[in-house]
Amino acid sequence: MRNEKPQPATSTMSTCDRLWTIDDVSAFLGVPVQTLYQWRHRSEGPPCMRLGKHLRFDPDQVRAWLASKVA
């Protein structure tokens, strides 16, 4: 029997292993990084958070945002 640590449950974070960088989101959506910055400025893009000087994206929220755009 393995001794596994329980994972904390949070309502704002996904169960992913890590948050995506803007380069990750750019590759996933197939759009330039600059487009993501423009969408963010206009409040049109996927939700993100600023950690220090870096933007990070929850992959589940990016997928949900994309689903809402193609539905």
N, C-alpha and C. Protein backbone atom coordinates (compact mmCIF):
# COMPACT_ATOMS: atom_id res chain seq x y z
N MET A 1 0.84 -1.18 0.00
CA MET A 1 0.00 0.00 0.00
C MET A 1 0.88 1.23 0.00
N ARG A 2 0.58 2.14 -0.94
CA ARG A 2 1.36 3.37 -1.04
C ARG A 2 0.83 4.41 -0.08
N ASN A 3 1.74 5.19 0.45
CA ASN A 3 1.37 6.27 1.35
C ASN A 3 1.29 7.55 0.52
N GLU A 4 0.07 7.91 0.12
CA GLU A 4 -0.11 9.09 -0.73
C GLU A 4 -0.62 10.26 0.10
N LYS A 5 -0.10 11.44 -0.20
CA LYS A 5 -0.54 12.64 0.48
C LYS A 5 -1.83 13.12 -0.16
N PRO A 6 -2.81 13.53 0.63
CA PRO A 6 -4.05 14.06 0.05
C PRO A 6 -3.79 15.41 -0.61
N GLN A 7 -4.46 15.65 -1.71
CA GLN A 7 -4.33 16.91 -2.41
C GLN A 7 -5.34 17.91 -1.85
N PRO A 8 -4.94 19.16 -1.62
CA PRO A 8 -5.89 20.15 -1.10
C PRO A 8 -6.93 20.47 -2.16
N ALA A 9 -8.16 20.60 -1.74
CA ALA A 9 -9.24 20.94 -2.66
C ALA A 9 -9.45 22.44 -2.64
N THR A 10 -9.42 23.05 -3.81
CA THR A 10 -9.68 24.48 -3.91
C THR A 10 -10.69 24.71 -5.00
N SER A 11 -11.50 25.72 -4.85
CA SER A 11 -12.53 26.01 -5.84
C SER A 11 -11.99 26.88 -6.98
N THR A 12 -10.90 27.60 -6.77
CA THR A 12 -10.41 28.50 -7.80
C THR A 12 -9.29 27.90 -8.63
N MET A 13 -8.70 26.82 -8.18
CA MET A 13 -7.61 26.20 -8.92
C MET A 13 -8.07 24.87 -9.48
N SER A 14 -7.55 24.54 -10.65
CA SER A 14 -7.87 23.26 -11.24
C SER A 14 -7.04 22.17 -10.58
N THR A 15 -7.26 20.96 -11.03
CA THR A 15 -6.51 19.83 -10.50
C THR A 15 -5.27 19.55 -11.34
N CYS A 16 -4.90 20.50 -12.20
CA CYS A 16 -3.73 20.31 -13.05
C CYS A 16 -2.45 20.36 -12.22
N ASP A 17 -1.39 19.86 -12.79
CA ASP A 17 -0.10 19.85 -12.08
C ASP A 17 0.53 21.23 -12.02
N ARG A 18 0.29 22.04 -13.06
CA ARG A 18 0.90 23.37 -13.06
C ARG A 18 0.05 24.34 -13.86
N LEU A 19 0.27 25.60 -13.62
CA LEU A 19 -0.40 26.65 -14.39
C LEU A 19 0.34 26.83 -15.71
N TRP A 20 -0.37 27.30 -16.72
CA TRP A 20 0.23 27.54 -18.02
C TRP A 20 0.82 28.94 -18.09
N THR A 21 1.92 29.06 -18.83
CA THR A 21 2.49 30.37 -19.15
C THR A 21 1.77 30.92 -20.37
N ILE A 22 2.05 32.16 -20.69
CA ILE A 22 1.44 32.76 -21.87
C ILE A 22 1.90 32.04 -23.14
N ASP A 23 3.12 31.51 -23.13
CA ASP A 23 3.60 30.73 -24.28
C ASP A 23 2.82 29.42 -24.42
N ASP A 24 2.49 28.80 -23.30
CA ASP A 24 1.69 27.58 -23.33
C ASP A 24 0.31 27.85 -23.93
N VAL A 25 -0.31 28.93 -23.49
CA VAL A 25 -1.65 29.27 -23.99
C VAL A 25 -1.59 29.64 -25.46
N SER A 26 -0.56 30.37 -25.85
CA SER A 26 -0.36 30.73 -27.25
C SER A 26 -0.28 29.48 -28.12
N ALA A 27 0.48 28.50 -27.69
CA ALA A 27 0.62 27.25 -28.45
C ALA A 27 -0.69 26.47 -28.47
N PHE A 28 -1.39 26.42 -27.33
CA PHE A 28 -2.64 25.68 -27.25
C PHE A 28 -3.71 26.28 -28.17
N LEU A 29 -3.82 27.62 -28.16
CA LEU A 29 -4.85 28.28 -28.96
C LEU A 29 -4.41 28.53 -30.40
N GLY A 30 -3.10 28.48 -30.64
CA GLY A 30 -2.59 28.74 -31.98
C GLY A 30 -2.66 30.20 -32.37
N VAL A 31 -2.48 31.08 -31.39
CA VAL A 31 -2.47 32.52 -31.64
C VAL A 31 -1.16 33.10 -31.11
N PRO A 32 -0.72 34.22 -31.68
CA PRO A 32 0.52 34.84 -31.19
C PRO A 32 0.38 35.34 -29.74
N VAL A 33 1.49 35.37 -29.04
CA VAL A 33 1.52 35.89 -27.67
C VAL A 33 0.97 37.33 -27.64
N GLN A 34 1.35 38.13 -28.61
CA GLN A 34 0.89 39.52 -28.65
C GLN A 34 -0.63 39.61 -28.69
N THR A 35 -1.27 38.67 -29.39
CA THR A 35 -2.74 38.64 -29.44
C THR A 35 -3.31 38.41 -28.04
N LEU A 36 -2.70 37.53 -27.28
CA LEU A 36 -3.16 37.28 -25.91
C LEU A 36 -3.03 38.53 -25.05
N TYR A 37 -1.93 39.27 -25.22
CA TYR A 37 -1.77 40.52 -24.47
C TYR A 37 -2.84 41.54 -24.89
N GLN A 38 -3.15 41.62 -26.18
CA GLN A 38 -4.20 42.53 -26.64
C GLN A 38 -5.56 42.12 -26.10
N TRP A 39 -5.87 40.84 -26.15
CA TRP A 39 -7.15 40.36 -25.60
C TRP A 39 -7.24 40.68 -24.11
N ARG A 40 -6.14 40.50 -23.40
CA ARG A 40 -6.15 40.78 -21.96
C ARG A 40 -6.41 42.26 -21.71
N HIS A 41 -5.77 43.11 -22.48
CA HIS A 41 -5.96 44.56 -22.35
C HIS A 41 -7.42 44.94 -22.59
N ARG A 42 -8.07 44.25 -23.51
CA ARG A 42 -9.48 44.53 -23.85
C ARG A 42 -10.45 43.69 -23.02
N SER A 43 -9.95 42.88 -22.09
CA SER A 43 -10.76 41.98 -21.28
C SER A 43 -11.55 41.00 -22.15
N GLU A 44 -10.94 40.51 -23.21
CA GLU A 44 -11.59 39.59 -24.14
C GLU A 44 -11.02 38.17 -24.08
N GLY A 45 -9.85 38.01 -23.53
CA GLY A 45 -9.17 36.72 -23.59
C GLY A 45 -9.50 35.81 -22.43
N PRO A 46 -8.83 34.67 -22.38
CA PRO A 46 -9.05 33.74 -21.28
C PRO A 46 -8.59 34.35 -19.96
N PRO A 47 -9.25 33.96 -18.86
CA PRO A 47 -8.87 34.52 -17.56
C PRO A 47 -7.45 34.13 -17.18
N CYS A 48 -6.77 35.06 -16.56
CA CYS A 48 -5.41 34.80 -16.11
C CYS A 48 -5.16 35.51 -14.80
N MET A 49 -4.05 35.18 -14.20
CA MET A 49 -3.67 35.84 -12.95
C MET A 49 -2.22 36.29 -13.05
N ARG A 50 -1.90 37.34 -12.34
CA ARG A 50 -0.54 37.84 -12.33
C ARG A 50 0.13 37.34 -11.05
N LEU A 51 1.26 36.68 -11.24
CA LEU A 51 2.09 36.24 -10.11
C LEU A 51 3.41 36.99 -10.24
N GLY A 52 3.55 38.03 -9.45
CA GLY A 52 4.71 38.90 -9.61
C GLY A 52 4.60 39.60 -10.94
N LYS A 53 5.59 39.43 -11.79
CA LYS A 53 5.55 40.05 -13.12
C LYS A 53 5.12 39.07 -14.20
N HIS A 54 4.68 37.88 -13.80
CA HIS A 54 4.35 36.84 -14.76
C HIS A 54 2.85 36.59 -14.82
N LEU A 55 2.33 36.30 -16.01
CA LEU A 55 0.94 35.89 -16.18
C LEU A 55 0.88 34.38 -16.14
N ARG A 56 -0.12 33.85 -15.45
CA ARG A 56 -0.33 32.41 -15.40
C ARG A 56 -1.81 32.13 -15.67
N PHE A 57 -2.05 31.00 -16.32
CA PHE A 57 -3.38 30.61 -16.75
C PHE A 57 -3.70 29.23 -16.19
N ASP A 58 -4.92 29.07 -15.68
CA ASP A 58 -5.41 27.77 -15.25
C ASP A 58 -5.88 27.05 -16.51
N PRO A 59 -5.30 25.90 -16.84
CA PRO A 59 -5.68 25.21 -18.08
C PRO A 59 -7.18 24.92 -18.18
N ASP A 60 -7.83 24.58 -17.07
CA ASP A 60 -9.27 24.31 -17.10
C ASP A 60 -10.06 25.56 -17.47
N GLN A 61 -9.62 26.71 -16.97
CA GLN A 61 -10.31 27.96 -17.29
C GLN A 61 -10.08 28.35 -18.75
N VAL A 62 -8.90 28.08 -19.27
CA VAL A 62 -8.62 28.37 -20.68
C VAL A 62 -9.52 27.50 -21.56
N ARG A 63 -9.62 26.22 -21.23
CA ARG A 63 -10.48 25.31 -22.00
C ARG A 63 -11.94 25.75 -21.92
N ALA A 64 -12.41 26.14 -20.73
CA ALA A 64 -13.78 26.60 -20.56
C ALA A 64 -14.04 27.88 -21.37
N TRP A 65 -13.07 28.79 -21.35
CA TRP A 65 -13.19 30.03 -22.14
C TRP A 65 -13.29 29.70 -23.62
N LEU A 66 -12.45 28.79 -24.09
CA LEU A 66 -12.47 28.40 -25.50
C LEU A 66 -13.81 27.74 -25.85
N ALA A 67 -14.31 26.88 -24.98
CA ALA A 67 -15.59 26.23 -25.23
C ALA A 67 -16.72 27.25 -25.33
N SER A 68 -16.64 28.31 -24.53
CA SER A 68 -17.69 29.34 -24.57
C SER A 68 -17.62 30.16 -25.86
N LYS A 69 -16.47 30.20 -26.48
CA LYS A 69 -16.31 30.97 -27.72
C LYS A 69 -16.75 30.19 -28.95
N VAL A 70 -16.64 28.85 -28.90
CA VAL A 70 -16.98 28.05 -30.07
C VAL A 70 -18.39 27.48 -29.98
N ALA A 71 -19.04 27.64 -28.82
CA ALA A 71 -20.40 27.11 -28.63
C ALA A 71 -21.43 27.98 -29.29
